[in-house]
Amino acid sequence: MVDTFLAPEPARRLHRLATELTSNPVSYVVNTHYHNDHIRGNQVFSDAIIISTAQTRRLIEEREPGQIEADMASAPDQLKRLLNQKVTETDPKARLDMDMWIGYYQAMVESEEELQTVLPSLTFSNQLVLHGRDRTVELKEFVSGHTGSDLVVWLPDDGVLFSGDLVFNRMHPYLADGSPEFLKETLRSLTHLGPASVIVVPGHGEVGGKGTIERMIDYLTVLDDRAKHVVSEGTSDTSVPAQFADWEFDQFYRSNLSFVLGRIRKGSY
């Protein structure tokens, strides 16, 4: 199982579906990184071995309890605000983004009484290879990309890559917890995995191929160019570039641009 969703209830549905489809219990769970929407269902998989990188485990342990507390405090008001805003919102794309956040805060409200932090029980650095009866699973760590530590799940016998949030498909990624310049190099290395027909399962968005990774590289390149233009010309253009206008999560583009601008001005980009 790769990642466990945002809350116990959707994780229970995931667990039930997995066991129905395979007729086997879930033996291993992988947390690709520490962000809450990928780990908060861990408690549902108590009988499985939960795997992450060593740094991801540390980040979950350090940050997740405080994040849960903050989410629980803000969720009721945020949910109410979004539900009220959606009543008068007429833009279909904006309503779609609202639905995502409504689902987020609804999950927090519904899981308040049972949500707990469950840490991975097996960690590694750099690479871990699992040899099964029918296939091999390679877990590869990449540092300073989407977060301080991200892993991908590569099935070389099947040509399938589970990328975690290193790859978003036609959705603006969230970059402000990582290093976009290192992320671009990581993505380039992922394009060299396997044949051209590799199937890519992104952290967010529909299943795609290597073109999904290449679009992410294009996104980072355009964002980088836009940020450097803003600095050199003193402009304040925060509009979404035309080639990404149909991507979901518009608000992340502006926060991504602001993040890259800050790194350039500090000399860290």
Foldseek 3Di string as FASTA:
>chain_A
DEFQAQAQPVSVVVQVVVCVVPVDHAAEYEQQAQDRGRAQNVVVNVNHQYEYAPVRLVCNVPPVVVVLVVLLVCLVVVLVVLVVVLVPDDDPQVNVLSVVVNVNSVRSPVRVVPTDRDGGPYHHAAWDWDDDPPFIWIWGWAAQAQARIGIWIATLVVLEIEGAQLFAALAQGARLRGHHVSSLVVLVVVLPRDDQARWYRYNYDDIDTNVRSVVVNVVSVVLLVVLVCCVVVVDDDQDDDPVSVRGHDSVSSSVVSVSSNVCVVVVND
